[in-house]
């Protein structure tokens, strides 16, 4: 029976899962007495609650010029899945490479049957490998010392959360502006709240569409029937305060939900653009691996469901993931990629080795 690797195995086995184009060729071609090149920087940006098609290059009802630009320049993972369609468990996997059953973060922090992250993330290993580490934005993993350790700079873990996503983006931009003067390579995590603020949606206050091409409802919305659904799905839409606001409403309200969600994705993309522009302005883009992804999805009206909850449809569990690589680019299509593997790829990108 397979099992999640130990931290020792993780550091030892983080091998050839990522090819690094020119950087990889340089290592192969360099003579043995050559001075080693500086390790690549790592920039990891993630949204909250962005489903698998919530990007303009996949669905033209979304406006995401910055995410689209990253996709055009790099690799797009078309089958990326999270380990849990909830914030805290998924984030525990992203930062440790372990399943929630191993991290102990089984549901959102503060919920029943879970606990704060109480084991080391990838950050201490990165710092020990010579990286300057920083994290700005939503954390949602509690404040245990072991789980919070390893960050040289932060806003959201030990220090106070950034007031807004815009604040997190500006902190990240300032960090990148200072990075060129630092001899150390950097690892920067930037965690945005949008489009999670879809929870601000109020059908009673929803504005009418301002453009003639209104966002359509998905085919699964038209076909959906609840009489044959699992009981947790029915309970979510009939009893849960978040689901029942939509249960008896007609198509206009559901379309308004989808328009509101697209506005939140657009807001996230604007902040992603601030960070990517700052990276380019720093002059370090060619030596930086960039990953943009999310922690989980949103139902966005598919199957007549909203938000996230006790359902395992692709809208909740599959998510967009793109990567632009230092020293060379390629596209990765149908390969199945999970959040555990993403953490391993980051370790390989940093070329971590146990000493």
Protein backbone atom coordinates (compact mmCIF):
# COMPACT_ATOMS: atom_id res chain seq x y z
CA UNK A 1 0.00 0.00 0.00
CA UNK A 2 1.37 3.42 -0.92
CA UNK A 3 1.85 6.07 1.72
CA UNK A 4 2.94 9.69 1.98
CA UNK A 5 6.72 10.04 2.12
CA UNK A 6 8.53 11.12 5.26
CA UNK A 7 10.18 14.50 5.28
CA UNK A 8 13.56 12.73 4.88
CA UNK A 9 12.20 10.89 1.81
CA UNK A 10 10.74 14.12 0.45
CA UNK A 11 14.08 15.92 0.56
CA UNK A 12 16.00 12.90 -0.74
CA UNK A 13 13.61 11.92 -3.54
CA UNK A 14 12.80 15.41 -4.88
CA UNK A 15 14.60 14.51 -8.07
CA UNK A 16 14.11 14.95 -11.79
CA UNK A 17 10.44 15.92 -11.83
CA UNK A 18 11.17 19.28 -13.45
CA UNK A 19 13.54 19.93 -16.34
CA UNK A 20 15.03 23.37 -16.33
CA UNK A 21 15.93 24.00 -19.96
CA UNK A 22 18.98 26.23 -20.14
CA UNK A 23 19.69 25.96 -16.42
CA UNK A 24 19.69 22.16 -16.66
CA UNK A 25 21.87 22.17 -19.76
CA UNK A 26 24.31 24.55 -18.10
CA UNK A 27 24.75 22.11 -15.21
CA UNK A 28 25.34 19.22 -17.61
CA UNK A 29 27.76 21.10 -19.87
CA UNK A 30 29.76 22.99 -17.24
CA UNK A 31 33.19 21.57 -16.40
CA UNK A 32 33.56 20.09 -12.95
CA UNK A 33 35.80 22.91 -11.75
CA UNK A 34 33.38 25.66 -12.87
CA UNK A 35 31.91 28.03 -10.29
CA UNK A 36 28.32 26.86 -9.57
CA UNK A 37 25.60 29.11 -10.88
CA UNK A 38 23.28 30.88 -8.44
CA UNK A 39 20.20 28.82 -7.65
CA UNK A 40 16.99 29.99 -9.30
CA UNK A 41 14.60 32.22 -7.37
CA UNK A 42 11.09 30.89 -6.71
CA UNK A 43 7.90 32.98 -6.89
CA UNK A 44 4.71 31.15 -5.89
CA UNK A 45 1.45 33.09 -6.25
CA UNK A 46 -1.88 31.57 -5.35
CA UNK A 47 -5.46 32.72 -5.27
CA UNK A 48 -8.26 31.34 -3.11
CA UNK A 49 -11.24 29.52 -4.63
CA UNK A 50 -10.40 29.79 -8.35
CA UNK A 51 -11.86 26.86 -10.26
CA UNK A 52 -10.22 25.01 -13.12
CA UNK A 53 -11.62 27.12 -15.98
CA UNK A 54 -11.55 30.50 -14.21
CA UNK A 55 -9.08 32.04 -16.66
CA UNK A 56 -9.55 33.96 -19.86
CA UNK A 57 -7.47 31.60 -21.99
CA UNK A 58 -9.83 28.75 -20.97
CA UNK A 59 -13.15 30.60 -20.75
CA UNK A 60 -13.66 33.92 -22.50
CA UNK A 61 -16.26 35.03 -19.94
CA UNK A 62 -13.29 35.61 -17.59
CA UNK A 63 -10.93 38.58 -17.93
CA UNK A 64 -7.45 37.54 -16.77
CA UNK A 65 -4.80 39.18 -18.99
CA UNK A 66 -1.97 38.58 -16.52
CA UNK A 67 -2.71 34.92 -15.92
CA UNK A 68 -3.17 34.52 -19.68
CA UNK A 69 0.25 36.08 -20.26
CA UNK A 70 1.87 33.71 -17.80
CA UNK A 71 0.16 30.75 -19.51
CA UNK A 72 1.37 31.90 -22.93
CA UNK A 73 4.95 32.19 -21.67
CA UNK A 74 5.11 29.00 -19.64
CA UNK A 75 3.59 25.60 -18.94
CA UNK A 76 -0.09 25.00 -18.19
CA UNK A 77 -1.17 22.00 -16.16
CA UNK A 78 -4.59 21.02 -17.44
CA UNK A 79 -5.24 18.30 -14.85
CA UNK A 80 -4.19 19.89 -11.55
CA UNK A 81 -6.11 18.82 -8.43
CA UNK A 82 -6.05 19.84 -4.79
CA UNK A 83 -6.13 17.32 -1.94
CA UNK A 84 -9.21 18.93 -0.38
CA UNK A 85 -11.73 21.53 -1.63
CA UNK A 86 -11.24 23.55 1.56
CA UNK A 87 -8.71 26.27 2.28
CA UNK A 88 -6.75 25.01 5.29
CA UNK A 89 -6.29 21.32 4.34
CA UNK A 90 -5.26 22.21 0.80
CA UNK A 91 -2.82 24.86 2.01
CA UNK A 92 -1.25 22.39 4.43
CA UNK A 93 -0.50 20.15 1.45
CA UNK A 94 0.82 22.99 -0.72
CA UNK A 95 3.32 23.96 1.97
CA UNK A 96 4.40 20.50 3.21
CA UNK A 97 3.88 18.09 0.30
CA UNK A 98 1.82 15.82 2.57
CA UNK A 99 -1.82 14.79 2.54
CA UNK A 100 -4.16 16.41 5.11
CA UNK A 101 -4.39 13.02 6.82
CA UNK A 102 -0.68 13.44 7.63
CA UNK A 103 -0.65 17.16 8.41
CA UNK A 104 -3.66 16.84 10.75
CA UNK A 105 -5.36 19.80 9.06
CA UNK A 106 -8.56 18.02 8.06
CA UNK A 107 -10.88 21.01 7.67
CA UNK A 108 -10.66 24.76 7.97
CA UNK A 109 -8.89 26.04 11.07
CA UNK A 110 -11.45 26.58 13.81
CA UNK A 111 -13.68 23.81 12.48
CA UNK A 112 -14.58 20.51 14.12
CA UNK A 113 -12.05 17.68 13.97
CA UNK A 114 -9.04 19.63 12.82
CA UNK A 115 -6.01 21.32 14.32
CA UNK A 116 -3.51 24.02 13.31
CA UNK A 117 -0.53 22.96 11.24
CA UNK A 118 2.05 21.70 13.77
CA UNK A 119 4.80 20.41 11.47
CA UNK A 120 7.46 22.13 9.41
CA UNK A 121 6.58 23.51 5.99
CA UNK A 122 9.05 23.69 3.12
CA UNK A 123 10.26 27.08 4.45
CA UNK A 124 12.91 25.90 6.98
CA UNK A 125 14.50 23.64 4.36
CA UNK A 126 14.61 26.49 1.86
CA UNK A 127 16.18 28.80 4.41
CA UNK A 128 18.74 26.14 5.35
CA UNK A 129 19.56 25.80 1.64
CA UNK A 130 20.51 29.49 1.52
CA UNK A 131 17.27 31.10 0.40
CA UNK A 132 15.77 34.34 1.67
CA UNK A 133 12.16 33.38 2.40
CA UNK A 134 9.04 35.56 2.49
CA UNK A 135 5.28 35.02 2.70
CA UNK A 136 2.68 37.78 2.23
CA UNK A 137 -1.08 37.26 2.43
CA UNK A 138 -3.66 34.81 3.71
CA UNK A 139 -2.22 31.97 5.82
CA UNK A 140 -5.18 30.09 7.36
CA UNK A 141 -3.02 27.40 9.01
CA UNK A 142 -3.01 28.59 12.61
CA UNK A 143 -0.15 29.90 14.70
CA UNK A 144 1.75 26.83 15.94
CA UNK A 145 5.48 27.57 16.20
CA UNK A 146 6.56 24.51 14.17
CA UNK A 147 4.17 25.24 11.32
CA UNK A 148 4.97 28.96 11.23
CA UNK A 149 8.77 28.71 11.29
CA UNK A 150 11.23 29.39 8.50
CA UNK A 151 10.15 32.74 7.07
CA UNK A 152 12.59 35.66 7.06
CA UNK A 153 9.76 38.08 6.29
CA UNK A 154 6.01 37.68 6.52
CA UNK A 155 2.73 39.48 6.69
CA UNK A 156 -0.05 37.05 7.56
CA UNK A 157 1.70 34.29 9.52
CA UNK A 158 3.22 35.88 12.63
CA UNK A 159 2.95 39.51 11.59
CA UNK A 160 -0.54 40.90 10.93
CA UNK A 161 -2.38 40.05 7.74
CA UNK A 162 -2.15 42.56 4.91
CA UNK A 163 -5.26 44.72 5.06
CA UNK A 164 -6.22 43.89 1.47
CA UNK A 165 -5.00 41.87 -1.49
CA UNK A 166 -3.68 45.11 -2.90
CA UNK A 167 -1.57 45.55 0.22
CA UNK A 168 -0.18 42.02 -0.17
CA UNK A 169 0.69 42.74 -3.81
CA UNK A 170 2.48 45.96 -2.88
CA UNK A 171 4.46 44.21 -0.14
CA UNK A 172 5.49 41.56 -2.65
CA UNK A 173 6.49 44.25 -5.16
CA UNK A 174 8.65 45.99 -2.55
CA UNK A 175 10.30 42.68 -1.65
CA UNK A 176 11.11 42.00 -5.31
CA UNK A 177 12.52 45.51 -5.76
CA UNK A 178 14.98 44.82 -2.94
CA UNK A 179 15.87 41.29 -4.02
CA UNK A 180 18.39 42.21 -6.71
CA UNK A 181 20.74 43.76 -4.15
CA UNK A 182 20.69 40.57 -2.04
CA UNK A 183 23.32 37.94 -2.76
CA UNK A 184 20.92 35.20 -1.67
CA UNK A 185 18.31 33.72 -4.00
CA UNK A 186 14.76 34.23 -2.79
CA UNK A 187 11.57 32.25 -2.32
CA UNK A 188 8.46 34.43 -2.23
CA UNK A 189 4.94 33.14 -1.55
CA UNK A 190 2.10 35.57 -2.26
CA UNK A 191 -1.36 34.42 -1.14
CA UNK A 192 -4.39 36.41 -2.31
CA UNK A 193 -7.91 36.15 -0.86
CA UNK A 194 -9.81 36.69 -4.09
CA UNK A 195 -11.91 35.22 -5.58
CA UNK A 196 -12.84 33.76 -2.16
CA UNK A 197 -14.77 36.99 -1.53
CA UNK A 198 -17.51 35.52 -3.70
CA UNK A 199 -18.95 34.97 -0.22
CA UNK A 200 -19.85 38.68 -0.27
CA UNK A 201 -22.43 37.93 -2.96
CA UNK A 202 -25.96 39.00 -2.03
CA UNK A 203 -28.60 38.01 -4.59
CA UNK A 204 -30.94 40.71 -3.27
CA UNK A 205 -28.37 43.41 -4.03
CA UNK A 206 -27.03 41.97 -7.27
CA UNK A 207 -26.78 44.51 -10.05
CA UNK A 208 -28.31 43.93 -13.46
CA UNK A 209 -25.86 43.16 -16.28
CA UNK A 210 -24.29 46.22 -17.89
CA UNK A 211 -23.18 44.45 -21.07
CA UNK A 212 -25.36 42.83 -23.73
CA UNK A 213 -23.43 39.52 -23.74
CA UNK A 214 -24.60 38.17 -20.40
CA UNK A 215 -22.72 35.31 -18.74
CA UNK A 216 -24.53 32.08 -19.59
CA UNK A 217 -25.40 29.29 -17.19
CA UNK A 218 -23.50 26.00 -17.56
CA UNK A 219 -25.23 23.04 -19.18
CA UNK A 220 -25.10 21.13 -15.90
CA UNK A 221 -27.23 23.84 -14.26
CA UNK A 222 -30.05 23.15 -16.69
CA UNK A 223 -29.86 19.38 -16.15
CA UNK A 224 -29.46 19.42 -12.37
CA UNK A 225 -32.02 17.68 -10.18
CA UNK A 226 -31.68 17.25 -6.41
CA UNK A 227 -33.96 14.29 -5.87
CA UNK A 228 -31.16 11.85 -6.74
CA UNK A 229 -28.27 13.76 -5.12
CA UNK A 230 -26.31 12.54 -2.09
CA UNK A 231 -27.84 13.83 1.12
CA UNK A 232 -24.90 16.17 2.00
CA UNK A 233 -25.45 18.08 -1.26
CA UNK A 234 -29.16 18.45 -0.59
CA UNK A 235 -28.47 19.54 2.98
CA UNK A 236 -25.98 22.16 1.81
CA UNK A 237 -28.47 23.78 -0.57
CA UNK A 238 -31.49 23.43 1.73
CA UNK A 239 -30.10 24.07 5.21
CA UNK A 240 -26.64 25.61 5.04
CA UNK A 241 -26.82 29.40 5.27
CA UNK A 242 -24.50 29.74 2.27
CA UNK A 243 -26.32 27.34 -0.03
CA UNK A 244 -29.94 28.07 0.77
CA UNK A 245 -29.71 31.70 -0.35
CA UNK A 246 -29.70 30.37 -3.94
CA UNK A 247 -31.81 27.20 -3.77
CA UNK A 248 -35.17 28.60 -4.88
CA UNK A 249 -33.92 31.43 -7.08
CA UNK A 250 -34.26 31.53 -10.84
CA UNK A 251 -31.73 31.88 -13.66
CA UNK A 252 -31.24 35.65 -13.25
CA UNK A 253 -29.86 35.26 -9.71
CA UNK A 254 -27.55 32.43 -10.73
CA UNK A 255 -26.21 34.47 -13.62
CA UNK A 256 -25.65 37.35 -11.20
CA UNK A 257 -23.62 34.99 -8.98
CA UNK A 258 -21.45 34.06 -11.97
CA UNK A 259 -20.92 37.71 -12.93
CA UNK A 260 -19.93 38.54 -9.35
CA UNK A 261 -17.48 35.64 -9.29
CA UNK A 262 -15.89 36.82 -12.53
CA UNK A 263 -15.41 40.24 -10.99
CA UNK A 264 -13.53 38.67 -8.06
CA UNK A 265 -11.33 36.65 -10.43
CA UNK A 266 -10.61 39.85 -12.37
CA UNK A 267 -9.56 41.57 -9.13
CA UNK A 268 -7.18 38.71 -8.32
CA UNK A 269 -5.66 38.90 -11.77
CA UNK A 270 -4.96 42.63 -11.39
CA UNK A 271 -2.95 41.94 -8.23
CA UNK A 272 -1.16 39.04 -9.93
CA UNK A 273 -0.17 41.55 -12.62
CA UNK A 274 1.30 43.88 -10.00
CA UNK A 275 3.56 41.08 -8.76
CA UNK A 276 4.60 39.90 -12.23
CA UNK A 277 5.35 43.47 -13.32
CA UNK A 278 7.48 43.98 -10.22
CA UNK A 279 9.42 40.81 -11.01
CA UNK A 280 10.14 42.04 -14.53
CA UNK A 281 11.14 45.47 -13.25
CA UNK A 282 13.57 43.87 -10.81
CA UNK A 283 15.55 42.34 -13.67
CA UNK A 284 15.27 38.89 -12.07
CA UNK A 285 12.57 37.34 -14.26
CA UNK A 286 15.07 35.26 -16.25
CA UNK A 287 16.42 33.66 -13.08
CA UNK A 288 13.06 33.06 -11.38
CA UNK A 289 10.68 30.12 -11.52
CA UNK A 290 7.10 31.42 -11.31
CA UNK A 291 4.13 29.29 -10.27
CA UNK A 292 0.54 30.58 -10.23
CA UNK A 293 -2.22 28.35 -8.88
CA UNK A 294 -4.93 28.25 -6.18
CA UNK A 295 -5.96 26.25 -3.14
CA UNK A 296 -9.30 24.92 -4.47
CA UNK A 297 -12.18 25.84 -6.75
CA UNK A 298 -15.71 27.20 -6.68
CA UNK A 299 -18.84 25.57 -8.09
CA UNK A 300 -19.77 28.75 -10.00
CA UNK A 301 -23.32 27.51 -10.56
CA UNK A 302 -22.34 24.15 -12.06
CA UNK A 303 -24.77 21.36 -11.05
CA UNK A 304 -26.85 24.13 -9.39
CA UNK A 305 -24.29 24.46 -6.60
CA UNK A 306 -22.46 27.50 -5.27
CA UNK A 307 -19.32 28.23 -3.27
CA UNK A 308 -17.58 25.08 -1.98
CA UNK A 309 -18.90 22.34 0.24
CA UNK A 310 -19.44 18.59 0.62
CA UNK A 311 -19.12 17.77 -3.07
CA UNK A 312 -16.25 16.52 -5.18
CA UNK A 313 -16.95 17.87 -8.63
CA UNK A 314 -14.08 19.12 -10.76
CA UNK A 315 -15.22 22.71 -10.28
CA UNK A 316 -14.35 22.35 -6.57
CA UNK A 317 -11.31 20.09 -6.71
CA UNK A 318 -9.59 20.84 -10.01
CA UNK A 319 -7.80 24.15 -10.37
CA UNK A 320 -5.67 26.13 -12.81
CA UNK A 321 -1.91 25.87 -12.49
CA UNK A 322 0.71 27.54 -14.62
CA UNK A 323 4.46 27.80 -14.43
CA UNK A 324 7.02 29.97 -16.20
CA UNK A 325 10.50 28.55 -15.83
CA UNK A 326 13.82 30.24 -15.64
CA UNK A 327 15.97 29.46 -18.67
CA UNK A 328 13.42 27.78 -20.92
CA UNK A 329 9.71 27.08 -21.37
CA UNK A 330 7.47 24.22 -22.41
CA UNK A 331 3.79 23.25 -22.23
CA UNK A 332 2.51 20.36 -20.14
CA UNK A 333 -0.92 19.19 -21.19
CA UNK A 334 -2.79 16.23 -19.78
CA UNK A 335 -0.44 15.09 -17.02
CA UNK A 336 -2.18 14.64 -13.68
CA UNK A 337 -0.64 16.97 -11.09
CA UNK A 338 -1.57 17.24 -7.42
CA UNK A 339 -0.65 19.76 -4.75
CA UNK A 340 1.75 17.21 -3.18
CA UNK A 341 3.66 17.00 -6.45
CA UNK A 342 3.74 20.79 -6.76
CA UNK A 343 5.57 20.97 -3.41
CA UNK A 344 8.07 18.38 -4.62
CA UNK A 345 8.62 20.38 -7.81
CA UNK A 346 9.42 23.47 -5.74
CA UNK A 347 11.96 21.48 -3.74
CA UNK A 348 13.52 20.25 -6.97
CA UNK A 349 13.52 23.76 -8.42
CA UNK A 350 15.48 24.94 -5.40
CA UNK A 351 17.73 21.87 -5.75
CA UNK A 352 17.39 21.04 -2.07
CA UNK A 353 19.67 18.35 -0.76
CA UNK A 354 19.89 16.98 2.75
CA UNK A 355 23.26 17.90 4.24
